[in-house]
Amino acid sequence: MTADVRRLPGPWGAVLYDTRIAHVRTAPLRHAFRHRGYLWLVDLDRLPRLPWPLGALASFRPRDHHLDPGYGNATIRQDLRDHLAARGVHLGRGQVLMLTQARSLGHVFNPLTVYWCRDEAGRPLCTVAEVHNTYGGRHRYLLRPDAEGLAGTPKEFHVSPFFPVDGGYRMSLPEPGEHLRLAVHLERPGGRVFTATVRGTAHPASPAALLRAALRHPFATQAVSLHIRYQGVRLWLRGLPVHPRPVHPRPVPDSAQPAAGHPVREEEVPSA
């Protein structure tokens, strides 16, 4: 299997990655942890539709990825296409591969979803890093990686309560193939303060592969949320100061404006 595929393998046209995720914080104190799980690589034009009862273990719902789940009925692809078009990037009929955690047993939480976008001729167009935080906020970073998958962007979104919204990210997001190798580095004045890495091995998605993954990592989506909160409590108990969350208007997706009489709501949006 190569990264430049037009059709992903397996009966569902998707890939499951058995993943190893590591977080390393180096300032103002050192803290590191690792956990295992699994991620899906899917084609937005051919999202897997799992038969009952396997559908309870994996589904891909637009509201889990729209920047504002309260607006619009657009598909994930339509919402992403309109988001890119508003920023001068025209996807057309180009392929989009999405790396994400599926909704499982009624729950989903994706700290990072990555979209690799190609134009209609199959050439790399852009990469989008969609970040979710534990407060319900979401943000997309539009990236133009080089041939190695490397890109940088200013930090614009509150993720960890222990970092302010400043500095910038250096990301390594090469389109995956047989192996998955991603890295996100947060750099603030004074140097690099945080690194997250994702490593994985590909398996064609199938009923047997999904059941193995679910048995090996039961309640995987819930475990991600709980693990992040547990590590946050540990940092707080170690005396790490908490930065208040900035308040921003909730964004309205480019694909759907609020109906008449439906006000734009405001919420606290955390930053990374």
C-alpha atoms as a PDB file:
ATOM      1  CA  MET A   1       0.000   0.000   0.000  1.00  0.00           C
ATOM      2  CA  THR A   2       1.356   3.455  -0.915  1.00  0.00           C
ATOM      3  CA  ALA A   3       0.389   6.901   0.295  1.00  0.00           C
ATOM      4  CA  ASP A   4      -0.713   8.063  -3.173  1.00  0.00           C
ATOM      5  CA  VAL A   5      -3.743   5.797  -3.510  1.00  0.00           C
ATOM      6  CA  ARG A   6      -6.989   6.600  -5.238  1.00  0.00           C
ATOM      7  CA  ARG A   7      -8.825   3.807  -3.465  1.00  0.00           C
ATOM      8  CA  LEU A   8      -7.963   2.702   0.017  1.00  0.00           C
ATOM      9  CA  PRO A   9      -7.743  -1.067   0.563  1.00  0.00           C
ATOM     10  CA  GLY A  10     -10.046  -3.527   2.276  1.00  0.00           C
ATOM     11  CA  PRO A  11     -13.764  -4.259   1.973  1.00  0.00           C
ATOM     12  CA  TRP A  12     -14.638  -0.839   3.443  1.00  0.00           C
ATOM     13  CA  GLY A  13     -12.122   1.164   1.405  1.00  0.00           C
ATOM     14  CA  ALA A  14     -10.413   2.429   4.567  1.00  0.00           C
ATOM     15  CA  VAL A  15      -7.369   1.830   6.752  1.00  0.00           C
ATOM     16  CA  LEU A  16      -7.056   1.225  10.482  1.00  0.00           C
ATOM     17  CA  TYR A  17      -3.828   2.354  12.153  1.00  0.00           C
ATOM     18  CA  ASP A  18      -2.764   0.753  15.414  1.00  0.00           C
ATOM     19  CA  THR A  19      -1.286   3.859  17.052  1.00  0.00           C
ATOM     20  CA  ARG A  20       1.207   4.887  19.713  1.00  0.00           C
ATOM     21  CA  ILE A  21       0.793   8.485  20.842  1.00  0.00           C
ATOM     22  CA  ALA A  22       3.323  10.362  22.970  1.00  0.00           C
ATOM     23  CA  HIS A  23       3.162  13.814  24.566  1.00  0.00           C
ATOM     24  CA  VAL A  24       6.286  15.485  25.935  1.00  0.00           C
ATOM     25  CA  ARG A  25       6.168  18.827  27.756  1.00  0.00           C
ATOM     26  CA  THR A  26       9.566  20.384  28.474  1.00  0.00           C
ATOM     27  CA  ALA A  27       8.692  23.777  30.006  1.00  0.00           C
ATOM     28  CA  PRO A  28       8.051  25.203  32.507  1.00  0.00           C
ATOM     29  CA  LEU A  29       8.343  21.662  33.887  1.00  0.00           C
ATOM     30  CA  ARG A  30       8.959  18.308  32.233  1.00  0.00           C
ATOM     31  CA  HIS A  31       6.054  15.918  31.873  1.00  0.00           C
ATOM     32  CA  ALA A  32       5.538  13.029  29.447  1.00  0.00           C
ATOM     33  CA  PHE A  33       3.018  10.279  28.822  1.00  0.00           C
ATOM     34  CA  ARG A  34       2.087   7.714  26.187  1.00  0.00           C
ATOM     35  CA  HIS A  35      -1.027   5.829  25.250  1.00  0.00           C
ATOM     36  CA  ARG A  36      -2.167   3.447  22.538  1.00  0.00           C
ATOM     37  CA  GLY A  37      -5.252   3.349  20.382  1.00  0.00           C
ATOM     38  CA  TYR A  38      -6.346   3.225  16.766  1.00  0.00           C
ATOM     39  CA  LEU A  39      -7.255   5.709  14.041  1.00  0.00           C
ATOM     40  CA  TRP A  40      -9.107   5.521  10.735  1.00  0.00           C
ATOM     41  CA  LEU A  41      -7.898   6.779   7.347  1.00  0.00           C
ATOM     42  CA  VAL A  42     -10.927   7.275   5.101  1.00  0.00           C
ATOM     43  CA  ASP A  43     -11.780   8.854   1.755  1.00  0.00           C
ATOM     44  CA  LEU A  44     -14.412  11.588   2.240  1.00  0.00           C
ATOM     45  CA  ASP A  45     -16.105  10.485  -0.989  1.00  0.00           C
ATOM     46  CA  ARG A  46     -16.355   6.857   0.194  1.00  0.00           C
ATOM     47  CA  LEU A  47     -16.962   6.934   3.929  1.00  0.00           C
ATOM     48  CA  PRO A  48     -17.384   3.412   5.323  1.00  0.00           C
ATOM     49  CA  ARG A  49     -20.933   2.398   6.188  1.00  0.00           C
ATOM     50  CA  LEU A  50     -20.665  -0.466   8.614  1.00  0.00           C
ATOM     51  CA  PRO A  51     -23.447  -3.046   8.920  1.00  0.00           C
ATOM     52  CA  TRP A  52     -25.316  -3.595  12.153  1.00  0.00           C
ATOM     53  CA  PRO A  53     -24.091  -4.233  14.835  1.00  0.00           C
ATOM     54  CA  LEU A  54     -20.581  -3.090  13.808  1.00  0.00           C
ATOM     55  CA  GLY A  55     -21.949   0.378  13.099  1.00  0.00           C
ATOM     56  CA  ALA A  56     -22.000   0.968  16.848  1.00  0.00           C
ATOM     57  CA  LEU A  57     -18.202   0.703  16.822  1.00  0.00           C
ATOM     58  CA  ALA A  58     -17.539   3.241  14.072  1.00  0.00           C
ATOM     59  CA  SER A  59     -19.479   6.011  12.356  1.00  0.00           C
ATOM     60  CA  PHE A  60     -18.436   9.288  10.728  1.00  0.00           C
ATOM     61  CA  ARG A  61     -20.922  12.059  11.426  1.00  0.00           C
ATOM     62  CA  PRO A  62     -20.662  15.565   9.962  1.00  0.00           C
ATOM     63  CA  ARG A  63     -21.538  17.201  13.281  1.00  0.00           C
ATOM     64  CA  ASP A  64     -18.419  15.642  14.807  1.00  0.00           C
ATOM     65  CA  HIS A  65     -16.269  17.755  12.463  1.00  0.00           C
ATOM     66  CA  HIS A  66     -18.188  20.916  11.565  1.00  0.00           C
ATOM     67  CA  LEU A  67     -16.586  23.936  13.208  1.00  0.00           C
ATOM     68  CA  ASP A  68     -20.002  24.770  14.635  1.00  0.00           C
ATOM     69  CA  PRO A  69     -22.160  21.639  15.071  1.00  0.00           C
ATOM     70  CA  GLY A  70     -25.248  23.847  15.469  1.00  0.00           C
ATOM     71  CA  TYR A  71     -25.341  25.027  11.869  1.00  0.00           C
ATOM     72  CA  GLY A  72     -25.958  23.399   8.530  1.00  0.00           C
ATOM     73  CA  ASN A  73     -26.564  19.942   7.105  1.00  0.00           C
ATOM     74  CA  ALA A  74     -23.440  19.811   4.975  1.00  0.00           C
ATOM     75  CA  THR A  75     -21.420  16.618   4.704  1.00  0.00           C
ATOM     76  CA  ILE A  76     -17.870  16.620   6.066  1.00  0.00           C
ATOM     77  CA  ARG A  77     -16.548  17.119   2.536  1.00  0.00           C
ATOM     78  CA  GLN A  78     -18.959  19.951   1.735  1.00  0.00           C
ATOM     79  CA  ASP A  79     -18.132  21.758   4.965  1.00  0.00           C
ATOM     80  CA  LEU A  80     -14.387  21.400   4.359  1.00  0.00           C
ATOM     81  CA  ARG A  81     -14.741  22.427   0.694  1.00  0.00           C
ATOM     82  CA  ASP A  82     -16.581  25.623   1.641  1.00  0.00           C
ATOM     83  CA  HIS A  83     -14.126  26.342   4.448  1.00  0.00           C
ATOM     84  CA  LEU A  84     -11.238  26.092   1.967  1.00  0.00           C
ATOM     85  CA  ALA A  85     -13.023  28.097  -0.728  1.00  0.00           C
ATOM     86  CA  ALA A  86     -13.500  30.981   1.724  1.00  0.00           C
ATOM     87  CA  ARG A  87      -9.702  30.996   2.062  1.00  0.00           C
ATOM     88  CA  GLY A  88      -8.980  30.936  -1.649  1.00  0.00           C
ATOM     89  CA  VAL A  89      -8.331  27.190  -1.960  1.00  0.00           C
ATOM     90  CA  HIS A  90     -10.533  25.430  -4.515  1.00  0.00           C
ATOM     91  CA  LEU A  91     -10.821  21.704  -3.942  1.00  0.00           C
ATOM     92  CA  GLY A  92     -13.137  20.914  -6.831  1.00  0.00           C
ATOM     93  CA  ARG A  93     -13.456  17.135  -7.249  1.00  0.00           C
ATOM     94  CA  GLY A  94     -10.071  16.427  -5.728  1.00  0.00           C
ATOM     95  CA  GLN A  95      -9.602  13.593  -3.296  1.00  0.00           C
ATOM     96  CA  VAL A  96      -9.563  14.187   0.463  1.00  0.00           C
ATOM     97  CA  LEU A  97      -8.205  11.587   2.856  1.00  0.00           C
ATOM     98  CA  MET A  98      -9.164  12.076   6.514  1.00  0.00           C
ATOM     99  CA  LEU A  99      -7.293  10.631   9.502  1.00  0.00           C
ATOM    100  CA  THR A 100      -9.562  10.600  12.530  1.00  0.00           C
ATOM    101  CA  GLN A 101     -11.090   8.689  15.371  1.00  0.00           C
ATOM    102  CA  ALA A 102     -14.580   7.424  14.539  1.00  0.00           C
ATOM    103  CA  ARG A 103     -17.574   7.832  16.792  1.00  0.00           C
ATOM    104  CA  SER A 104     -17.738   4.611  18.810  1.00  0.00           C
ATOM    105  CA  LEU A 105     -20.391   3.467  21.281  1.00  0.00           C
ATOM    106  CA  GLY A 106     -21.991   6.900  21.096  1.00  0.00           C
ATOM    107  CA  HIS A 107     -18.843   8.886  21.887  1.00  0.00           C
ATOM    108  CA  VAL A 108     -16.069  10.603  19.963  1.00  0.00           C
ATOM    109  CA  PHE A 109     -13.222  12.969  20.803  1.00  0.00           C
ATOM    110  CA  ASN A 110     -10.555  13.950  18.300  1.00  0.00           C
ATOM    111  CA  PRO A 111      -7.682  16.056  19.610  1.00  0.00           C
ATOM    112  CA  LEU A 112      -6.400  16.119  16.019  1.00  0.00           C
ATOM    113  CA  THR A 113      -8.037  15.237  12.715  1.00  0.00           C
ATOM    114  CA  VAL A 114      -5.918  15.635   9.570  1.00  0.00           C
ATOM    115  CA  TYR A 115      -7.190  16.120   6.009  1.00  0.00           C
ATOM    116  CA  TRP A 116      -4.851  15.564   3.050  1.00  0.00           C
ATOM    117  CA  CYS A 117      -6.341  17.345   0.044  1.00  0.00           C
ATOM    118  CA  ARG A 118      -5.426  16.775  -3.605  1.00  0.00           C
ATOM    119  CA  ASP A 119      -6.581  18.644  -6.676  1.00  0.00           C
ATOM    120  CA  GLU A 120      -8.468  17.053  -9.541  1.00  0.00           C
ATOM    121  CA  ALA A 121      -5.202  16.021 -11.194  1.00  0.00           C
ATOM    122  CA  GLY A 122      -4.128  14.163  -8.052  1.00  0.00           C
ATOM    123  CA  ARG A 123      -1.481  16.706  -7.011  1.00  0.00           C
ATOM    124  CA  PRO A 124      -1.110  17.701  -3.338  1.00  0.00           C
ATOM    125  CA  LEU A 125      -3.182  20.838  -2.741  1.00  0.00           C
ATOM    126  CA  CYS A 126      -3.048  21.484   1.014  1.00  0.00           C
ATOM    127  CA  THR A 127      -3.266  19.827   4.402  1.00  0.00           C
ATOM    128  CA  VAL A 128      -5.758  20.812   7.095  1.00  0.00           C
ATOM    129  CA  ALA A 129      -5.154  20.143  10.794  1.00  0.00           C
ATOM    130  CA  GLU A 130      -8.437  20.222  12.699  1.00  0.00           C
ATOM    131  CA  VAL A 131      -7.905  20.621  16.445  1.00  0.00           C
ATOM    132  CA  HIS A 132     -10.537  19.897  19.101  1.00  0.00           C
ATOM    133  CA  ASN A 133     -10.190  20.758  22.768  1.00  0.00           C
ATOM    134  CA  THR A 134     -11.884  19.326  25.831  1.00  0.00           C
ATOM    135  CA  TYR A 135     -14.106  22.405  26.186  1.00  0.00           C
ATOM    136  CA  GLY A 136     -15.979  21.760  22.943  1.00  0.00           C
ATOM    137  CA  GLY A 137     -14.006  24.205  20.803  1.00  0.00           C
ATOM    138  CA  ARG A 138     -12.711  23.433  17.293  1.00  0.00           C
ATOM    139  CA  HIS A 139     -10.295  25.129  14.947  1.00  0.00           C
ATOM    140  CA  ARG A 140      -8.763  24.374  11.541  1.00  0.00           C
ATOM    141  CA  TYR A 141      -5.231  25.232  10.485  1.00  0.00           C
ATOM    142  CA  LEU A 142      -4.726  25.498   6.722  1.00  0.00           C
ATOM    143  CA  LEU A 143      -1.224  24.273   5.908  1.00  0.00           C
ATOM    144  CA  ARG A 144       0.942  24.232   2.781  1.00  0.00           C
ATOM    145  CA  PRO A 145       3.482  21.507   3.611  1.00  0.00           C
ATOM    146  CA  ASP A 146       6.659  20.969   1.657  1.00  0.00           C
ATOM    147  CA  ALA A 147       7.539  17.688  -0.052  1.00  0.00           C
ATOM    148  CA  GLU A 148       8.462  16.183   3.324  1.00  0.00           C
ATOM    149  CA  GLY A 149       5.118  17.121   4.876  1.00  0.00           C
ATOM    150  CA  LEU A 150       6.617  19.931   6.996  1.00  0.00           C
ATOM    151  CA  ALA A 151       4.709  23.143   7.683  1.00  0.00           C
ATOM    152  CA  GLY A 152       4.504  25.926  10.237  1.00  0.00           C
ATOM    153  CA  THR A 153       1.643  28.084  11.487  1.00  0.00           C
ATOM    154  CA  PRO A 154       1.045  30.592  14.295  1.00  0.00           C
ATOM    155  CA  LYS A 155      -0.904  29.223  17.256  1.00  0.00           C
ATOM    156  CA  GLU A 156      -4.456  30.610  17.161  1.00  0.00           C
ATOM    157  CA  PHE A 157      -6.520  28.305  19.362  1.00  0.00           C
ATOM    158  CA  HIS A 158      -6.622  27.455  23.073  1.00  0.00           C
ATOM    159  CA  VAL A 159      -6.050  23.766  23.737  1.00  0.00           C
ATOM    160  CA  SER A 160      -4.100  23.249  26.932  1.00  0.00           C
ATOM    161  CA  PRO A 161      -5.020  25.384  29.968  1.00  0.00           C
ATOM    162  CA  PHE A 162      -1.317  25.384  30.833  1.00  0.00           C
ATOM    163  CA  PHE A 163      -0.201  27.290  27.716  1.00  0.00           C
ATOM    164  CA  PRO A 164      -1.333  30.725  26.520  1.00  0.00           C
ATOM    165  CA  VAL A 165      -2.272  31.381  22.903  1.00  0.00           C
ATOM    166  CA  ASP A 166       1.091  32.471  21.592  1.00  0.00           C
ATOM    167  CA  GLY A 167       4.037  31.077  19.683  1.00  0.00           C
ATOM    168  CA  GLY A 168       3.624  28.764  16.732  1.00  0.00           C
ATOM    169  CA  TYR A 169       3.468  25.173  15.589  1.00  0.00           C
ATOM    170  CA  ARG A 170       5.933  23.204  13.514  1.00  0.00           C
ATOM    171  CA  MET A 171       4.090  20.219  12.107  1.00  0.00           C
ATOM    172  CA  SER A 172       5.277  17.118  10.291  1.00  0.00           C
ATOM    173  CA  LEU A 173       2.210  15.649   8.576  1.00  0.00           C
ATOM    174  CA  PRO A 174       3.278  13.509   5.609  1.00  0.00           C
ATOM    175  CA  GLU A 175       0.421  11.659   3.939  1.00  0.00           C
ATOM    176  CA  PRO A 176       0.405   8.187   5.504  1.00  0.00           C
ATOM    177  CA  GLY A 177       0.857   4.870   3.791  1.00  0.00           C
ATOM    178  CA  GLU A 178       1.877   1.593   5.387  1.00  0.00           C
ATOM    179  CA  HIS A 179       3.203   3.589   8.328  1.00  0.00           C
ATOM    180  CA  LEU A 180       1.894   6.684  10.082  1.00  0.00           C
ATOM    181  CA  ARG A 181       4.447   9.206  11.381  1.00  0.00           C
ATOM    182  CA  LEU A 182       3.097  12.556  12.543  1.00  0.00           C
ATOM    183  CA  ALA A 183       4.560  15.182  14.863  1.00  0.00           C
ATOM    184  CA  VAL A 184       3.369  18.526  16.232  1.00  0.00           C
ATOM    185  CA  HIS A 185       5.815  20.846  18.020  1.00  0.00           C
ATOM    186  CA  LEU A 186       4.777  23.959  19.927  1.00  0.00           C
ATOM    187  CA  GLU A 187       7.447  26.658  19.923  1.00  0.00           C
ATOM    188  CA  ARG A 188       7.207  29.677  22.201  1.00  0.00           C
ATOM    189  CA  PRO A 189       9.645  32.513  22.910  1.00  0.00           C
ATOM    190  CA  GLY A 190      12.662  30.741  24.348  1.00  0.00           C
ATOM    191  CA  GLY A 191      12.317  27.483  22.452  1.00  0.00           C
ATOM    192  CA  ARG A 192      10.274  24.328  21.954  1.00  0.00           C
ATOM    193  CA  VAL A 193       7.990  23.567  24.905  1.00  0.00           C
ATOM    194  CA  PHE A 194       5.766  20.707  23.732  1.00  0.00           C
ATOM    195  CA  THR A 195       5.840  17.822  21.252  1.00  0.00           C
ATOM    196  CA  ALA A 196       3.147  15.324  20.333  1.00  0.00           C
ATOM    197  CA  THR A 197       3.880  12.363  18.070  1.00  0.00           C
ATOM    198  CA  VAL A 198       1.667   9.732  16.476  1.00  0.00           C
ATOM    199  CA  ARG A 199       3.114   6.496  15.134  1.00  0.00           C
ATOM    200  CA  GLY A 200       1.081   3.728  13.583  1.00  0.00           C
ATOM    201  CA  THR A 201       0.995   0.636  11.395  1.00  0.00           C
ATOM    202  CA  ALA A 202      -1.681   0.210   8.728  1.00  0.00           C
ATOM    203  CA  HIS A 203      -4.209  -2.613   8.429  1.00  0.00           C
ATOM    204  CA  PRO A 204      -6.953  -2.682   5.773  1.00  0.00           C
ATOM    205  CA  ALA A 205     -10.220  -1.941   7.564  1.00  0.00           C
ATOM    206  CA  SER A 206     -12.431  -5.012   7.776  1.00  0.00           C
ATOM    207  CA  PRO A 207     -14.821  -6.544  10.327  1.00  0.00           C
ATOM    208  CA  ALA A 208     -12.019  -8.684  11.763  1.00  0.00           C
ATOM    209  CA  ALA A 209      -9.564  -5.770  11.942  1.00  0.00           C
ATOM    210  CA  LEU A 210     -12.115  -3.528  13.664  1.00  0.00           C
ATOM    211  CA  LEU A 211     -13.075  -6.184  16.201  1.00  0.00           C
ATOM    212  CA  ARG A 212      -9.410  -6.783  17.012  1.00  0.00           C
ATOM    213  CA  ALA A 213      -8.816  -3.068  17.478  1.00  0.00           C
ATOM    214  CA  ALA A 214     -11.925  -2.621  19.621  1.00  0.00           C
ATOM    215  CA  LEU A 215     -11.020  -5.571  21.826  1.00  0.00           C
ATOM    216  CA  ARG A 216      -7.414  -4.417  22.151  1.00  0.00           C
ATOM    217  CA  HIS A 217      -8.490  -0.844  22.959  1.00  0.00           C
ATOM    218  CA  PRO A 218     -12.011  -0.960  24.441  1.00  0.00           C
ATOM    219  CA  PHE A 219     -13.803   2.392  24.835  1.00  0.00           C
ATOM    220  CA  ALA A 220     -10.934   4.018  22.932  1.00  0.00           C
ATOM    221  CA  THR A 221     -12.625   7.393  22.379  1.00  0.00           C
ATOM    222  CA  GLN A 222     -13.663   7.697  26.012  1.00  0.00           C
ATOM    223  CA  ALA A 223     -10.148   6.700  27.072  1.00  0.00           C
ATOM    224  CA  VAL A 224      -8.610   9.599  25.110  1.00  0.00           C
ATOM    225  CA  SER A 225     -10.828  12.166  26.868  1.00  0.00           C
ATOM    226  CA  LEU A 226     -10.232  10.675  30.293  1.00  0.00           C
ATOM    227  CA  HIS A 227      -6.490  10.368  29.752  1.00  0.00           C
ATOM    228  CA  ILE A 228      -6.135  14.017  28.761  1.00  0.00           C
ATOM    229  CA  ARG A 229      -8.119  15.158  31.801  1.00  0.00           C
ATOM    230  CA  TYR A 230      -6.148  12.866  34.099  1.00  0.00           C
ATOM    231  CA  GLN A 231      -2.858  14.285  32.856  1.00  0.00           C
ATOM    232  CA  GLY A 232      -4.235  17.810  33.320  1.00  0.00           C
ATOM    233  CA  VAL A 233      -5.058  17.069  36.957  1.00  0.00           C
ATOM    234  CA  ARG A 234      -1.540  15.726  37.479  1.00  0.00           C
ATOM    235  CA  LEU A 235      -0.036  18.929  36.071  1.00  0.00           C
ATOM    236  CA  TRP A 236      -2.311  21.089  38.214  1.00  0.00           C
ATOM    237  CA  LEU A 237      -1.347  19.143  41.335  1.00  0.00           C
ATOM    238  CA  ARG A 238       2.306  19.765  40.450  1.00  0.00           C
ATOM    239  CA  GLY A 239       1.600  23.484  40.647  1.00  0.00           C
ATOM    240  CA  LEU A 240       1.570  24.389  36.952  1.00  0.00           C
ATOM    241  CA  PRO A 241      -0.323  27.705  36.591  1.00  0.00           C
ATOM    242  CA  VAL A 242      -3.552  27.735  34.570  1.00  0.00           C
ATOM    243  CA  HIS A 243      -4.107  30.305  31.818  1.00  0.00           C
ATOM    244  CA  PRO A 244      -7.714  31.548  31.478  1.00  0.00           C
ATOM    245  CA  ARG A 245      -9.556  30.639  28.330  1.00  0.00           C
ATOM    246  CA  PRO A 246     -10.078  33.501  25.859  1.00  0.00           C
ATOM    247  CA  VAL A 247     -13.644  34.230  24.817  1.00  0.00           C
ATOM    248  CA  HIS A 248     -14.385  34.407  21.091  1.00  0.00           C
ATOM    249  CA  PRO A 249     -17.598  34.339  19.076  1.00  0.00           C
ATOM    250  CA  ARG A 250     -18.520  30.851  17.943  1.00  0.00           C
ATOM    251  CA  PRO A 251     -17.691  30.649  14.226  1.00  0.00           C
ATOM    252  CA  VAL A 252     -20.396  30.136  11.628  1.00  0.00           C
ATOM    253  CA  PRO A 253     -19.375  27.599   8.948  1.00  0.00           C
ATOM    254  CA  ASP A 254     -18.907  29.098   5.505  1.00  0.00           C
ATOM    255  CA  SER A 255     -21.338  26.488   4.155  1.00  0.00           C
ATOM    256  CA  ALA A 256     -24.306  27.557   6.277  1.00  0.00           C
ATOM    257  CA  GLN A 257     -25.377  30.903   7.676  1.00  0.00           C
ATOM    258  CA  PRO A 258     -27.747  30.970  10.659  1.00  0.00           C
ATOM    259  CA  ALA A 259     -31.411  31.069   9.847  1.00  0.00           C
ATOM    260  CA  ALA A 260     -33.354  34.288  10.413  1.00  0.00           C
ATOM    261  CA  GLY A 261     -33.959  34.821  14.081  1.00  0.00           C
ATOM    262  CA  HIS A 262     -31.197  32.330  14.994  1.00  0.00           C
ATOM    263  CA  PRO A 263     -28.555  34.413  16.772  1.00  0.00           C
ATOM    264  CA  VAL A 264     -24.860  33.679  16.605  1.00  0.00           C
ATOM    265  CA  ARG A 265     -23.966  32.285  19.999  1.00  0.00           C
ATOM    266  CA  GLU A 266     -20.832  32.982  21.969  1.00  0.00           C
ATOM    267  CA  GLU A 267     -18.861  30.500  23.995  1.00  0.00           C
ATOM    268  CA  GLU A 268     -15.540  30.145  25.636  1.00  0.00           C
ATOM    269  CA  VAL A 269     -13.089  28.714  23.169  1.00  0.00           C
ATOM    270  CA  PRO A 270      -9.874  27.273  24.646  1.00  0.00           C
ATOM    271  CA  SER A 271      -6.490  27.544  22.937  1.00  0.00           C
ATOM    272  CA  ALA A 272      -3.522  25.400  22.088  1.00  0.00           C
END
